[in-house]
Amino acid sequence: MAPDVTEVERALLALAPEDRAAVIERGLRSLDDVDDADQGEVDAAWRAEIDRRVDEYVSSDTPSVDADEHVARLRAKLVARDK
């Protein structure tokens, strides 16, 4: 018979912090729809997306905006909208 949630929680909390973190990370990964075999495909898709975005930025005449300036603009829009 499988242990109940209370027993598992008690055992988890009895572990050293680094062991607890490892168990929790493994548990969280088990909830993902993507298994380890598909992770290579996911990584490749992200690399392709990053390359696409960099290429778009490099080939574009659109000026870049400093991150702090962009955040300030967004905050100003939010403040104006809340009034």
N, C-alpha and C. Protein backbone atom coordinates (compact mmCIF):
# COMPACT_ATOMS: atom_id res chain seq x y z
N MET A 1 0.84 -1.18 0.00
CA MET A 1 0.00 0.00 0.00
C MET A 1 0.89 1.25 0.00
N ALA A 2 0.53 2.22 -0.79
CA ALA A 2 1.31 3.46 -0.89
C ALA A 2 1.15 4.29 0.38
N PRO A 3 2.22 5.01 0.76
CA PRO A 3 2.10 5.86 1.95
C PRO A 3 1.13 7.00 1.71
N ASP A 4 0.49 7.49 2.77
CA ASP A 4 -0.43 8.60 2.58
C ASP A 4 0.34 9.92 2.53
N VAL A 5 -0.35 10.96 2.19
CA VAL A 5 0.27 12.26 1.98
C VAL A 5 0.98 12.76 3.24
N THR A 6 0.37 12.55 4.38
CA THR A 6 0.96 13.01 5.64
C THR A 6 2.29 12.33 5.90
N GLU A 7 2.37 11.03 5.63
CA GLU A 7 3.62 10.30 5.82
C GLU A 7 4.70 10.80 4.86
N VAL A 8 4.32 11.03 3.62
CA VAL A 8 5.28 11.52 2.63
C VAL A 8 5.77 12.91 3.03
N GLU A 9 4.85 13.77 3.44
CA GLU A 9 5.23 15.11 3.85
C GLU A 9 6.17 15.07 5.05
N ARG A 10 5.86 14.25 6.03
CA ARG A 10 6.70 14.13 7.22
C ARG A 10 8.10 13.65 6.83
N ALA A 11 8.18 12.66 5.97
CA ALA A 11 9.47 12.14 5.52
C ALA A 11 10.24 13.19 4.73
N LEU A 12 9.54 13.93 3.87
CA LEU A 12 10.18 14.97 3.08
C LEU A 12 10.78 16.05 3.97
N LEU A 13 10.02 16.49 4.95
CA LEU A 13 10.49 17.55 5.83
C LEU A 13 11.62 17.10 6.75
N ALA A 14 11.79 15.80 6.90
CA ALA A 14 12.88 15.27 7.72
C ALA A 14 14.21 15.26 6.96
N LEU A 15 14.16 15.42 5.66
CA LEU A 15 15.38 15.40 4.84
C LEU A 15 16.19 16.68 5.02
N ALA A 16 17.46 16.59 4.70
CA ALA A 16 18.32 17.77 4.66
C ALA A 16 17.81 18.69 3.55
N PRO A 17 17.99 20.00 3.69
CA PRO A 17 17.46 20.93 2.69
C PRO A 17 17.83 20.60 1.25
N GLU A 18 19.08 20.23 0.99
CA GLU A 18 19.47 19.95 -0.40
C GLU A 18 18.79 18.68 -0.92
N ASP A 19 18.61 17.68 -0.05
CA ASP A 19 17.90 16.46 -0.46
C ASP A 19 16.42 16.75 -0.68
N ARG A 20 15.85 17.58 0.18
CA ARG A 20 14.44 17.97 0.06
C ARG A 20 14.23 18.69 -1.27
N ALA A 21 15.15 19.60 -1.60
CA ALA A 21 15.03 20.34 -2.86
C ALA A 21 15.10 19.39 -4.05
N ALA A 22 15.98 18.40 -3.98
CA ALA A 22 16.11 17.44 -5.09
C ALA A 22 14.83 16.63 -5.26
N VAL A 23 14.24 16.20 -4.15
CA VAL A 23 13.00 15.42 -4.22
C VAL A 23 11.86 16.29 -4.78
N ILE A 24 11.78 17.52 -4.32
CA ILE A 24 10.72 18.42 -4.79
C ILE A 24 10.89 18.70 -6.28
N GLU A 25 12.13 18.95 -6.71
CA GLU A 25 12.37 19.22 -8.12
C GLU A 25 11.95 18.02 -8.98
N ARG A 26 12.31 16.83 -8.52
CA ARG A 26 11.92 15.63 -9.28
C ARG A 26 10.40 15.48 -9.32
N GLY A 27 9.74 15.78 -8.20
CA GLY A 27 8.29 15.71 -8.17
C GLY A 27 7.65 16.71 -9.12
N LEU A 28 8.19 17.92 -9.15
CA LEU A 28 7.66 18.94 -10.06
C LEU A 28 7.87 18.54 -11.52
N ARG A 29 9.04 17.98 -11.81
CA ARG A 29 9.29 17.54 -13.18
C ARG A 29 8.31 16.44 -13.60
N SER A 30 7.89 15.63 -12.64
CA SER A 30 6.96 14.55 -12.98
C SER A 30 5.60 15.09 -13.41
N LEU A 31 5.32 16.34 -13.09
CA LEU A 31 4.04 16.94 -13.48
C LEU A 31 4.06 17.52 -14.89
N ASP A 32 5.26 17.71 -15.43
CA ASP A 32 5.38 18.26 -16.78
C ASP A 32 4.83 17.31 -17.81
N ASP A 33 4.26 17.88 -18.87
CA ASP A 33 3.77 17.07 -19.98
C ASP A 33 4.91 16.56 -20.85
N VAL A 34 6.06 17.22 -20.75
CA VAL A 34 7.21 16.87 -21.59
C VAL A 34 8.12 15.95 -20.79
N ASP A 35 8.40 14.78 -21.32
CA ASP A 35 9.32 13.90 -20.61
C ASP A 35 10.76 14.22 -21.01
N ASP A 36 11.71 13.61 -20.33
CA ASP A 36 13.12 13.90 -20.59
C ASP A 36 13.53 13.63 -22.02
N ALA A 37 12.91 12.64 -22.66
CA ALA A 37 13.26 12.32 -24.04
C ALA A 37 12.91 13.47 -24.98
N ASP A 38 11.88 14.24 -24.64
CA ASP A 38 11.46 15.35 -25.50
C ASP A 38 12.19 16.64 -25.17
N GLN A 39 12.95 16.69 -24.09
CA GLN A 39 13.61 17.93 -23.68
C GLN A 39 14.57 18.43 -24.75
N GLY A 40 15.24 17.54 -25.45
CA GLY A 40 16.13 17.95 -26.53
C GLY A 40 15.38 18.69 -27.62
N GLU A 41 14.18 18.22 -27.93
CA GLU A 41 13.36 18.89 -28.94
C GLU A 41 12.92 20.27 -28.45
N VAL A 42 12.56 20.36 -27.18
CA VAL A 42 12.15 21.64 -26.60
C VAL A 42 13.33 22.61 -26.63
N ASP A 43 14.50 22.15 -26.23
CA ASP A 43 15.69 23.01 -26.25
C ASP A 43 16.01 23.48 -27.66
N ALA A 44 15.90 22.58 -28.63
CA ALA A 44 16.17 22.95 -30.02
C ALA A 44 15.17 23.98 -30.52
N ALA A 45 13.91 23.83 -30.13
CA ALA A 45 12.88 24.80 -30.54
C ALA A 45 13.18 26.18 -29.93
N TRP A 46 13.59 26.20 -28.66
CA TRP A 46 13.92 27.49 -28.04
C TRP A 46 15.14 28.12 -28.71
N ARG A 47 16.16 27.31 -29.04
CA ARG A 47 17.33 27.86 -29.73
C ARG A 47 16.93 28.46 -31.08
N ALA A 48 16.06 27.78 -31.79
CA ALA A 48 15.59 28.29 -33.08
C ALA A 48 14.82 29.60 -32.89
N GLU A 49 14.00 29.68 -31.87
CA GLU A 49 13.24 30.91 -31.61
C GLU A 49 14.17 32.05 -31.24
N ILE A 50 15.17 31.77 -30.42
CA ILE A 50 16.14 32.81 -30.04
C ILE A 50 16.88 33.29 -31.29
N ASP A 51 17.33 32.36 -32.13
CA ASP A 51 18.01 32.74 -33.37
C ASP A 51 17.11 33.61 -34.25
N ARG A 52 15.84 33.23 -34.36
CA ARG A 52 14.89 34.00 -35.17
C ARG A 52 14.76 35.42 -34.63
N ARG A 53 14.62 35.55 -33.32
CA ARG A 53 14.46 36.87 -32.73
C ARG A 53 15.71 37.73 -32.89
N VAL A 54 16.88 37.12 -32.71
CA VAL A 54 18.13 37.87 -32.89
C VAL A 54 18.26 38.31 -34.34
N ASP A 55 17.99 37.42 -35.28
CA ASP A 55 18.06 37.77 -36.69
C ASP A 55 17.10 38.91 -37.02
N GLU A 56 15.89 38.85 -36.48
CA GLU A 56 14.90 39.90 -36.71
C GLU A 56 15.39 41.23 -36.16
N TYR A 57 15.97 41.21 -34.98
CA TYR A 57 16.47 42.44 -34.36
C TYR A 57 17.63 43.01 -35.18
N VAL A 58 18.56 42.16 -35.58
CA VAL A 58 19.75 42.62 -36.31
C VAL A 58 19.37 43.18 -37.68
N SER A 59 18.41 42.58 -38.34
CA SER A 59 18.05 43.01 -39.69
C SER A 59 17.02 44.13 -39.70
N SER A 60 16.53 44.54 -38.55
CA SER A 60 15.48 45.54 -38.47
C SER A 60 16.04 46.94 -38.27
N ASP A 61 15.29 47.93 -38.76
CA ASP A 61 15.66 49.32 -38.53
C ASP A 61 14.97 49.87 -37.28
N THR A 62 14.26 49.03 -36.59
CA THR A 62 13.55 49.45 -35.38
C THR A 62 14.57 49.74 -34.28
N PRO A 63 14.49 50.93 -33.71
CA PRO A 63 15.46 51.27 -32.66
C PRO A 63 15.18 50.47 -31.39
N SER A 64 16.24 50.14 -30.69
CA SER A 64 16.06 49.42 -29.43
C SER A 64 15.77 50.43 -28.33
N VAL A 65 15.16 49.95 -27.25
CA VAL A 65 14.82 50.80 -26.12
C VAL A 65 15.48 50.20 -24.88
N ASP A 66 16.10 51.05 -24.10
CA ASP A 66 16.71 50.62 -22.86
C ASP A 66 15.66 49.96 -21.97
N ALA A 67 16.01 48.87 -21.30
CA ALA A 67 15.05 48.12 -20.48
C ALA A 67 14.43 49.00 -19.40
N ASP A 68 15.24 49.81 -18.72
CA ASP A 68 14.71 50.68 -17.66
C ASP A 68 13.70 51.69 -18.23
N GLU A 69 14.03 52.22 -19.40
CA GLU A 69 13.12 53.16 -20.06
C GLU A 69 11.81 52.47 -20.43
N HIS A 70 11.91 51.27 -20.94
CA HIS A 70 10.72 50.52 -21.33
C HIS A 70 9.83 50.23 -20.12
N VAL A 71 10.44 49.80 -19.01
CA VAL A 71 9.67 49.52 -17.79
C VAL A 71 9.01 50.80 -17.29
N ALA A 72 9.72 51.92 -17.36
CA ALA A 72 9.14 53.19 -16.92
C ALA A 72 7.93 53.56 -17.78
N ARG A 73 8.02 53.33 -19.08
CA ARG A 73 6.88 53.61 -19.97
C ARG A 73 5.68 52.73 -19.62
N LEU A 74 5.95 51.45 -19.38
CA LEU A 74 4.85 50.54 -19.02
C LEU A 74 4.21 50.95 -17.71
N ARG A 75 5.02 51.32 -16.72
CA ARG A 75 4.47 51.75 -15.43
C ARG A 75 3.62 53.00 -15.60
N ALA A 76 4.08 53.93 -16.41
CA ALA A 76 3.32 55.15 -16.64
C ALA A 76 1.97 54.84 -17.29
N LYS A 77 1.96 53.89 -18.22
CA LYS A 77 0.70 53.48 -18.84
C LYS A 77 -0.25 52.86 -17.83
N LEU A 78 0.30 52.04 -16.94
CA LEU A 78 -0.54 51.40 -15.91
C LEU A 78 -1.11 52.44 -14.95
N VAL A 79 -0.29 53.40 -14.56
CA VAL A 79 -0.76 54.45 -13.65
C VAL A 79 -1.87 55.26 -14.31
N ALA A 80 -1.65 55.62 -15.58
CA ALA A 80 -2.66 56.40 -16.32
C ALA A 80 -3.96 55.60 -16.45
N ARG A 81 -3.86 54.33 -16.63
CA ARG A 81 -5.05 53.49 -16.81
C ARG A 81 -5.81 53.32 -15.50
N ASP A 82 -5.10 53.34 -14.37
CA ASP A 82 -5.74 53.17 -13.07
C ASP A 82 -6.44 54.44 -12.56
N LYS A 83 -6.19 55.56 -13.22
CA LYS A 83 -6.79 56.82 -12.76
C LYS A 83 -8.21 56.96 -13.25
